[in-house]
Amino acid sequence: MSKRTHAENRDPGRTGDVGRSRSVLVAFVATTIVLHGIFTVGLPAMILGLTRGLAILNPDIGATRWRTGFG
């Protein structure tokens, strides 16, 4: 068997696995960042936007009720 044939049949070993695991890690981090943004910025902003007209869900309703004596 020639050296070239031996090199072509050789298992790449860890070099192929490192590339795959790095891309999986990058995909995981990117997904985590996107989901974090959705749930900590986007969702609360949407909820506050939808409840802007509802008095009971107004963020200041507790202070208003405290000042008026819970009436």
PDB file of N, CA and C in Angstrom:
ATOM      1  N   MET A   1       0.853  -1.173   0.000  1.00  0.00           N
ATOM      2  CA  MET A   1       0.000   0.000   0.000  1.00  0.00           C
ATOM      3  C   MET A   1       0.899   1.236   0.000  1.00  0.00           C
ATOM      4  N   SER A   2       0.589   2.175  -0.870  1.00  0.00           N
ATOM      5  CA  SER A   2       1.407   3.388  -0.945  1.00  0.00           C
ATOM      6  C   SER A   2       1.061   4.334   0.196  1.00  0.00           C
ATOM      7  N   LYS A   3       1.929   5.292   0.411  1.00  0.00           N
ATOM      8  CA  LYS A   3       1.702   6.271   1.486  1.00  0.00           C
ATOM      9  C   LYS A   3       0.459   7.112   1.209  1.00  0.00           C
ATOM     10  N   ARG A   4       0.222   7.424  -0.050  1.00  0.00           N
ATOM     11  CA  ARG A   4      -0.928   8.251  -0.394  1.00  0.00           C
ATOM     12  C   ARG A   4      -2.237   7.523  -0.072  1.00  0.00           C
ATOM     13  N   THR A   5      -2.330   6.266  -0.434  1.00  0.00           N
ATOM     14  CA  THR A   5      -3.534   5.492  -0.151  1.00  0.00           C
ATOM     15  C   THR A   5      -3.751   5.387   1.351  1.00  0.00           C
ATOM     16  N   HIS A   6      -2.679   5.180   2.076  1.00  0.00           N
ATOM     17  CA  HIS A   6      -2.779   5.088   3.531  1.00  0.00           C
ATOM     18  C   HIS A   6      -3.290   6.411   4.117  1.00  0.00           C
ATOM     19  N   ALA A   7      -2.810   7.537   3.618  1.00  0.00           N
ATOM     20  CA  ALA A   7      -3.231   8.845   4.121  1.00  0.00           C
ATOM     21  C   ALA A   7      -4.689   9.121   3.778  1.00  0.00           C
ATOM     22  N   GLU A   8      -5.147   8.675   2.623  1.00  0.00           N
ATOM     23  CA  GLU A   8      -6.534   8.910   2.228  1.00  0.00           C
ATOM     24  C   GLU A   8      -7.506   8.084   3.061  1.00  0.00           C
ATOM     25  N   ASN A   9      -7.088   6.924   3.507  1.00  0.00           N
ATOM     26  CA  ASN A   9      -7.959   6.050   4.282  1.00  0.00           C
ATOM     27  C   ASN A   9      -7.882   6.315   5.780  1.00  0.00           C
ATOM     28  N   ARG A  10      -7.004   7.191   6.183  1.00  0.00           N
ATOM     29  CA  ARG A  10      -6.806   7.436   7.609  1.00  0.00           C
ATOM     30  C   ARG A  10      -8.005   8.188   8.184  1.00  0.00           C
ATOM     31  N   ASP A  11      -8.369   7.839   9.384  1.00  0.00           N
ATOM     32  CA  ASP A  11      -9.454   8.517  10.087  1.00  0.00           C
ATOM     33  C   ASP A  11      -8.983   9.910  10.486  1.00  0.00           C
ATOM     34  N   PRO A  12      -9.764  10.961  10.210  1.00  0.00           N
ATOM     35  CA  PRO A  12      -9.311  12.315  10.548  1.00  0.00           C
ATOM     36  C   PRO A  12      -9.161  12.538  12.047  1.00  0.00           C
ATOM     37  N   GLY A  13      -9.801  11.719  12.850  1.00  0.00           N
ATOM     38  CA  GLY A  13      -9.633  11.836  14.295  1.00  0.00           C
ATOM     39  C   GLY A  13     -10.324  13.055  14.861  1.00  0.00           C
ATOM     40  N   ARG A  14      -9.657  13.724  15.763  1.00  0.00           N
ATOM     41  CA  ARG A  14     -10.266  14.833  16.490  1.00  0.00           C
ATOM     42  C   ARG A  14     -10.397  16.109  15.662  1.00  0.00           C
ATOM     43  N   THR A  15      -9.674  16.247  14.599  1.00  0.00           N
ATOM     44  CA  THR A  15      -9.736  17.507  13.846  1.00  0.00           C
ATOM     45  C   THR A  15     -11.134  17.769  13.311  1.00  0.00           C
ATOM     46  N   GLY A  16     -11.851  16.761  12.866  1.00  0.00           N
ATOM     47  CA  GLY A  16     -13.214  16.952  12.385  1.00  0.00           C
ATOM     48  C   GLY A  16     -14.191  17.203  13.515  1.00  0.00           C
ATOM     49  N   ASP A  17     -13.964  16.564  14.649  1.00  0.00           N
ATOM     50  CA  ASP A  17     -14.862  16.725  15.791  1.00  0.00           C
ATOM     51  C   ASP A  17     -14.772  18.115  16.394  1.00  0.00           C
ATOM     52  N   VAL A  18     -13.588  18.701  16.392  1.00  0.00           N
ATOM     53  CA  VAL A  18     -13.418  20.038  16.973  1.00  0.00           C
ATOM     54  C   VAL A  18     -14.216  21.060  16.182  1.00  0.00           C
ATOM     55  N   GLY A  19     -14.190  20.966  14.872  1.00  0.00           N
ATOM     56  CA  GLY A  19     -14.945  21.900  14.045  1.00  0.00           C
ATOM     57  C   GLY A  19     -16.434  21.788  14.280  1.00  0.00           C
ATOM     58  N   ARG A  20     -16.924  20.559  14.402  1.00  0.00           N
ATOM     59  CA  ARG A  20     -18.351  20.349  14.638  1.00  0.00           C
ATOM     60  C   ARG A  20     -18.763  20.830  16.019  1.00  0.00           C
ATOM     61  N   SER A  21     -17.951  20.524  17.015  1.00  0.00           N
ATOM     62  CA  SER A  21     -18.327  20.939  18.369  1.00  0.00           C
ATOM     63  C   SER A  21     -18.256  22.453  18.517  1.00  0.00           C
ATOM     64  N   ARG A  22     -17.342  23.088  17.803  1.00  0.00           N
ATOM     65  CA  ARG A  22     -17.258  24.548  17.852  1.00  0.00           C
ATOM     66  C   ARG A  22     -18.492  25.167  17.219  1.00  0.00           C
ATOM     67  N   SER A  23     -18.950  24.622  16.096  1.00  0.00           N
ATOM     68  CA  SER A  23     -20.142  25.185  15.452  1.00  0.00           C
ATOM     69  C   SER A  23     -21.393  24.928  16.294  1.00  0.00           C
ATOM     70  N   VAL A  24     -21.442  23.796  16.979  1.00  0.00           N
ATOM     71  CA  VAL A  24     -22.567  23.526  17.874  1.00  0.00           C
ATOM     72  C   VAL A  24     -22.551  24.511  19.032  1.00  0.00           C
ATOM     73  N   LEU A  25     -21.380  24.789  19.560  1.00  0.00           N
ATOM     74  CA  LEU A  25     -21.254  25.749  20.659  1.00  0.00           C
ATOM     75  C   LEU A  25     -21.666  27.152  20.214  1.00  0.00           C
ATOM     76  N   VAL A  26     -21.240  27.560  19.034  1.00  0.00           N
ATOM     77  CA  VAL A  26     -21.610  28.882  18.512  1.00  0.00           C
ATOM     78  C   VAL A  26     -23.122  28.961  18.306  1.00  0.00           C
ATOM     79  N   ALA A  27     -23.723  27.909  17.780  1.00  0.00           N
ATOM     80  CA  ALA A  27     -25.176  27.893  17.579  1.00  0.00           C
ATOM     81  C   ALA A  27     -25.910  27.960  18.916  1.00  0.00           C
ATOM     82  N   PHE A  28     -25.402  27.251  19.924  1.00  0.00           N
ATOM     83  CA  PHE A  28     -26.021  27.271  21.245  1.00  0.00           C
ATOM     84  C   PHE A  28     -25.955  28.660  21.863  1.00  0.00           C
ATOM     85  N   VAL A  29     -24.797  29.301  21.775  1.00  0.00           N
ATOM     86  CA  VAL A  29     -24.634  30.644  22.347  1.00  0.00           C
ATOM     87  C   VAL A  29     -25.527  31.642  21.617  1.00  0.00           C
ATOM     88  N   ALA A  30     -25.582  31.557  20.291  1.00  0.00           N
ATOM     89  CA  ALA A  30     -26.427  32.471  19.522  1.00  0.00           C
ATOM     90  C   ALA A  30     -27.904  32.283  19.883  1.00  0.00           C
ATOM     91  N   THR A  31     -28.339  31.040  20.012  1.00  0.00           N
ATOM     92  CA  THR A  31     -29.724  30.770  20.392  1.00  0.00           C
ATOM     93  C   THR A  31     -30.027  31.302  21.782  1.00  0.00           C
ATOM     94  N   THR A  32     -29.083  31.125  22.698  1.00  0.00           N
ATOM     95  CA  THR A  32     -29.267  31.615  24.064  1.00  0.00           C
ATOM     96  C   THR A  32     -29.397  33.130  24.090  1.00  0.00           C
ATOM     97  N   ILE A  33     -28.574  33.821  23.321  1.00  0.00           N
ATOM     98  CA  ILE A  33     -28.625  35.289  23.276  1.00  0.00           C
ATOM     99  C   ILE A  33     -29.967  35.756  22.713  1.00  0.00           C
ATOM    100  N   VAL A  34     -30.413  35.123  21.647  1.00  0.00           N
ATOM    101  CA  VAL A  34     -31.683  35.514  21.028  1.00  0.00           C
ATOM    102  C   VAL A  34     -32.849  35.271  21.984  1.00  0.00           C
ATOM    103  N   LEU A  35     -32.888  34.104  22.616  1.00  0.00           N
ATOM    104  CA  LEU A  35     -33.984  33.816  23.544  1.00  0.00           C
ATOM    105  C   LEU A  35     -33.944  34.735  24.756  1.00  0.00           C
ATOM    106  N   HIS A  36     -32.762  35.058  25.230  1.00  0.00           N
ATOM    107  CA  HIS A  36     -32.638  35.983  26.356  1.00  0.00           C
ATOM    108  C   HIS A  36     -33.214  37.344  25.975  1.00  0.00           C
ATOM    109  N   GLY A  37     -32.910  37.814  24.779  1.00  0.00           N
ATOM    110  CA  GLY A  37     -33.445  39.090  24.318  1.00  0.00           C
ATOM    111  C   GLY A  37     -34.951  39.075  24.186  1.00  0.00           C
ATOM    112  N   ILE A  38     -35.480  37.969  23.681  1.00  0.00           N
ATOM    113  CA  ILE A  38     -36.933  37.878  23.513  1.00  0.00           C
ATOM    114  C   ILE A  38     -37.639  37.926  24.859  1.00  0.00           C
ATOM    115  N   PHE A  39     -37.161  37.146  25.820  1.00  0.00           N
ATOM    116  CA  PHE A  39     -37.873  37.027  27.091  1.00  0.00           C
ATOM    117  C   PHE A  39     -37.575  38.147  28.075  1.00  0.00           C
ATOM    118  N   THR A  40     -36.458  38.863  27.929  1.00  0.00           N
ATOM    119  CA  THR A  40     -36.159  39.928  28.886  1.00  0.00           C
ATOM    120  C   THR A  40     -36.415  41.320  28.332  1.00  0.00           C
ATOM    121  N   VAL A  41     -36.533  41.453  27.025  1.00  0.00           N
ATOM    122  CA  VAL A  41     -36.780  42.771  26.428  1.00  0.00           C
ATOM    123  C   VAL A  41     -38.076  42.764  25.629  1.00  0.00           C
ATOM    124  N   GLY A  42     -38.186  41.861  24.695  1.00  0.00           N
ATOM    125  CA  GLY A  42     -39.331  41.853  23.788  1.00  0.00           C
ATOM    126  C   GLY A  42     -40.650  41.532  24.447  1.00  0.00           C
ATOM    127  N   LEU A  43     -40.695  40.458  25.212  1.00  0.00           N
ATOM    128  CA  LEU A  43     -41.945  40.047  25.846  1.00  0.00           C
ATOM    129  C   LEU A  43     -42.459  41.065  26.866  1.00  0.00           C
ATOM    130  N   PRO A  44     -41.629  41.569  27.784  1.00  0.00           N
ATOM    131  CA  PRO A  44     -42.131  42.598  28.704  1.00  0.00           C
ATOM    132  C   PRO A  44     -42.589  43.867  27.987  1.00  0.00           C
ATOM    133  N   ALA A  45     -41.880  44.259  26.934  1.00  0.00           N
ATOM    134  CA  ALA A  45     -42.293  45.446  26.182  1.00  0.00           C
ATOM    135  C   ALA A  45     -43.646  45.217  25.526  1.00  0.00           C
ATOM    136  N   MET A  46     -43.849  44.020  24.996  1.00  0.00           N
ATOM    137  CA  MET A  46     -45.127  43.714  24.374  1.00  0.00           C
ATOM    138  C   MET A  46     -46.244  43.695  25.423  1.00  0.00           C
ATOM    139  N   ILE A  47     -45.988  43.097  26.570  1.00  0.00           N
ATOM    140  CA  ILE A  47     -47.004  43.042  27.629  1.00  0.00           C
ATOM    141  C   ILE A  47     -47.351  44.447  28.102  1.00  0.00           C
ATOM    142  N   LEU A  48     -46.353  45.278  28.327  1.00  0.00           N
ATOM    143  CA  LEU A  48     -46.625  46.648  28.762  1.00  0.00           C
ATOM    144  C   LEU A  48     -47.360  47.436  27.691  1.00  0.00           C
ATOM    145  N   GLY A  49     -47.040  47.184  26.435  1.00  0.00           N
ATOM    146  CA  GLY A  49     -47.738  47.861  25.348  1.00  0.00           C
ATOM    147  C   GLY A  49     -49.194  47.454  25.263  1.00  0.00           C
ATOM    148  N   LEU A  50     -49.477  46.177  25.492  1.00  0.00           N
ATOM    149  CA  LEU A  50     -50.856  45.696  25.424  1.00  0.00           C
ATOM    150  C   LEU A  50     -51.674  46.138  26.626  1.00  0.00           C
ATOM    151  N   THR A  51     -51.041  46.324  27.779  1.00  0.00           N
ATOM    152  CA  THR A  51     -51.774  46.673  28.995  1.00  0.00           C
ATOM    153  C   THR A  51     -51.770  48.164  29.277  1.00  0.00           C
ATOM    154  N   ARG A  52     -51.294  48.946  28.332  1.00  0.00           N
ATOM    155  CA  ARG A  52     -51.205  50.390  28.555  1.00  0.00           C
ATOM    156  C   ARG A  52     -52.562  51.008  28.851  1.00  0.00           C
ATOM    157  N   GLY A  53     -53.617  50.520  28.230  1.00  0.00           N
ATOM    158  CA  GLY A  53     -54.941  51.105  28.427  1.00  0.00           C
ATOM    159  C   GLY A  53     -55.725  50.509  29.585  1.00  0.00           C
ATOM    160  N   LEU A  54     -55.245  49.446  30.189  1.00  0.00           N
ATOM    161  CA  LEU A  54     -55.973  48.806  31.280  1.00  0.00           C
ATOM    162  C   LEU A  54     -55.484  49.350  32.610  1.00  0.00           C
ATOM    163  N   ALA A  55     -56.373  49.979  33.375  1.00  0.00           N
ATOM    164  CA  ALA A  55     -55.974  50.638  34.614  1.00  0.00           C
ATOM    165  C   ALA A  55     -55.478  49.649  35.664  1.00  0.00           C
ATOM    166  N   ILE A  56     -56.116  48.496  35.760  1.00  0.00           N
ATOM    167  CA  ILE A  56     -55.752  47.550  36.816  1.00  0.00           C
ATOM    168  C   ILE A  56     -54.348  46.990  36.600  1.00  0.00           C
ATOM    169  N   LEU A  57     -53.869  46.948  35.351  1.00  0.00           N
ATOM    170  CA  LEU A  57     -52.538  46.422  35.066  1.00  0.00           C
ATOM    171  C   LEU A  57     -51.498  47.519  34.901  1.00  0.00           C
ATOM    172  N   ASN A  58     -51.880  48.739  35.178  1.00  0.00           N
ATOM    173  CA  ASN A  58     -50.940  49.853  35.100  1.00  0.00           C
ATOM    174  C   ASN A  58     -49.870  49.669  36.176  1.00  0.00           C
ATOM    175  N   PRO A  59     -48.580  49.862  35.845  1.00  0.00           N
ATOM    176  CA  PRO A  59     -47.532  49.670  36.848  1.00  0.00           C
ATOM    177  C   PRO A  59     -47.687  50.571  38.069  1.00  0.00           C
ATOM    178  N   ASP A  60     -48.382  51.695  37.945  1.00  0.00           N
ATOM    179  CA  ASP A  60     -48.507  52.636  39.055  1.00  0.00           C
ATOM    180  C   ASP A  60     -49.799  52.427  39.847  1.00  0.00           C
ATOM    181  N   ILE A  61     -50.571  51.404  39.542  1.00  0.00           N
ATOM    182  CA  ILE A  61     -51.871  51.235  40.191  1.00  0.00           C
ATOM    183  C   ILE A  61     -51.730  50.985  41.688  1.00  0.00           C
ATOM    184  N   GLY A  62     -50.653  50.318  42.111  1.00  0.00           N
ATOM    185  CA  GLY A  62     -50.459  50.070  43.538  1.00  0.00           C
ATOM    186  C   GLY A  62     -50.273  51.356  44.316  1.00  0.00           C
ATOM    187  N   ALA A  63     -49.456  52.264  43.805  1.00  0.00           N
ATOM    188  CA  ALA A  63     -49.234  53.544  44.481  1.00  0.00           C
ATOM    189  C   ALA A  63     -50.505  54.381  44.477  1.00  0.00           C
ATOM    190  N   THR A  64     -51.249  54.344  43.392  1.00  0.00           N
ATOM    191  CA  THR A  64     -52.491  55.110  43.304  1.00  0.00           C
ATOM    192  C   THR A  64     -53.504  54.593  44.320  1.00  0.00           C
ATOM    193  N   ARG A  65     -53.654  53.293  44.426  1.00  0.00           N
ATOM    194  CA  ARG A  65     -54.604  52.724  45.392  1.00  0.00           C
ATOM    195  C   ARG A  65     -54.150  52.985  46.820  1.00  0.00           C
ATOM    196  N   TRP A  66     -52.837  53.004  47.063  1.00  0.00           N
ATOM    197  CA  TRP A  66     -52.327  53.270  48.413  1.00  0.00           C
ATOM    198  C   TRP A  66     -52.670  54.696  48.844  1.00  0.00           C
ATOM    199  N   ARG A  67     -52.505  55.643  47.903  1.00  0.00           N
ATOM    200  CA  ARG A  67     -52.788  57.048  48.219  1.00  0.00           C
ATOM    201  C   ARG A  67     -54.276  57.294  48.436  1.00  0.00           C
ATOM    202  N   THR A  68     -55.131  56.569  47.726  1.00  0.00           N
ATOM    203  CA  THR A  68     -56.573  56.799  47.845  1.00  0.00           C
ATOM    204  C   THR A  68     -57.210  55.944  48.931  1.00  0.00           C
ATOM    205  N   GLY A  69     -56.446  55.150  49.631  1.00  0.00           N
ATOM    206  CA  GLY A  69     -56.988  54.359  50.730  1.00  0.00           C
ATOM    207  C   GLY A  69     -57.679  53.087  50.284  1.00  0.00           C
ATOM    208  N   PHE A  70     -57.261  52.517  49.183  1.00  0.00           N
ATOM    209  CA  PHE A  70     -57.796  51.254  48.667  1.00  0.00           C
ATOM    210  C   PHE A  70     -59.299  51.334  48.412  1.00  0.00           C
ATOM    211  N   GLY A  71     -59.772  52.492  48.015  1.00  0.00           N
ATOM    212  CA  GLY A  71     -61.202  52.654  47.780  1.00  0.00           C
ATOM    213  C   GLY A  71     -61.643  52.407  46.433  1.00  0.00           C
TER     214      GLY A  71
END
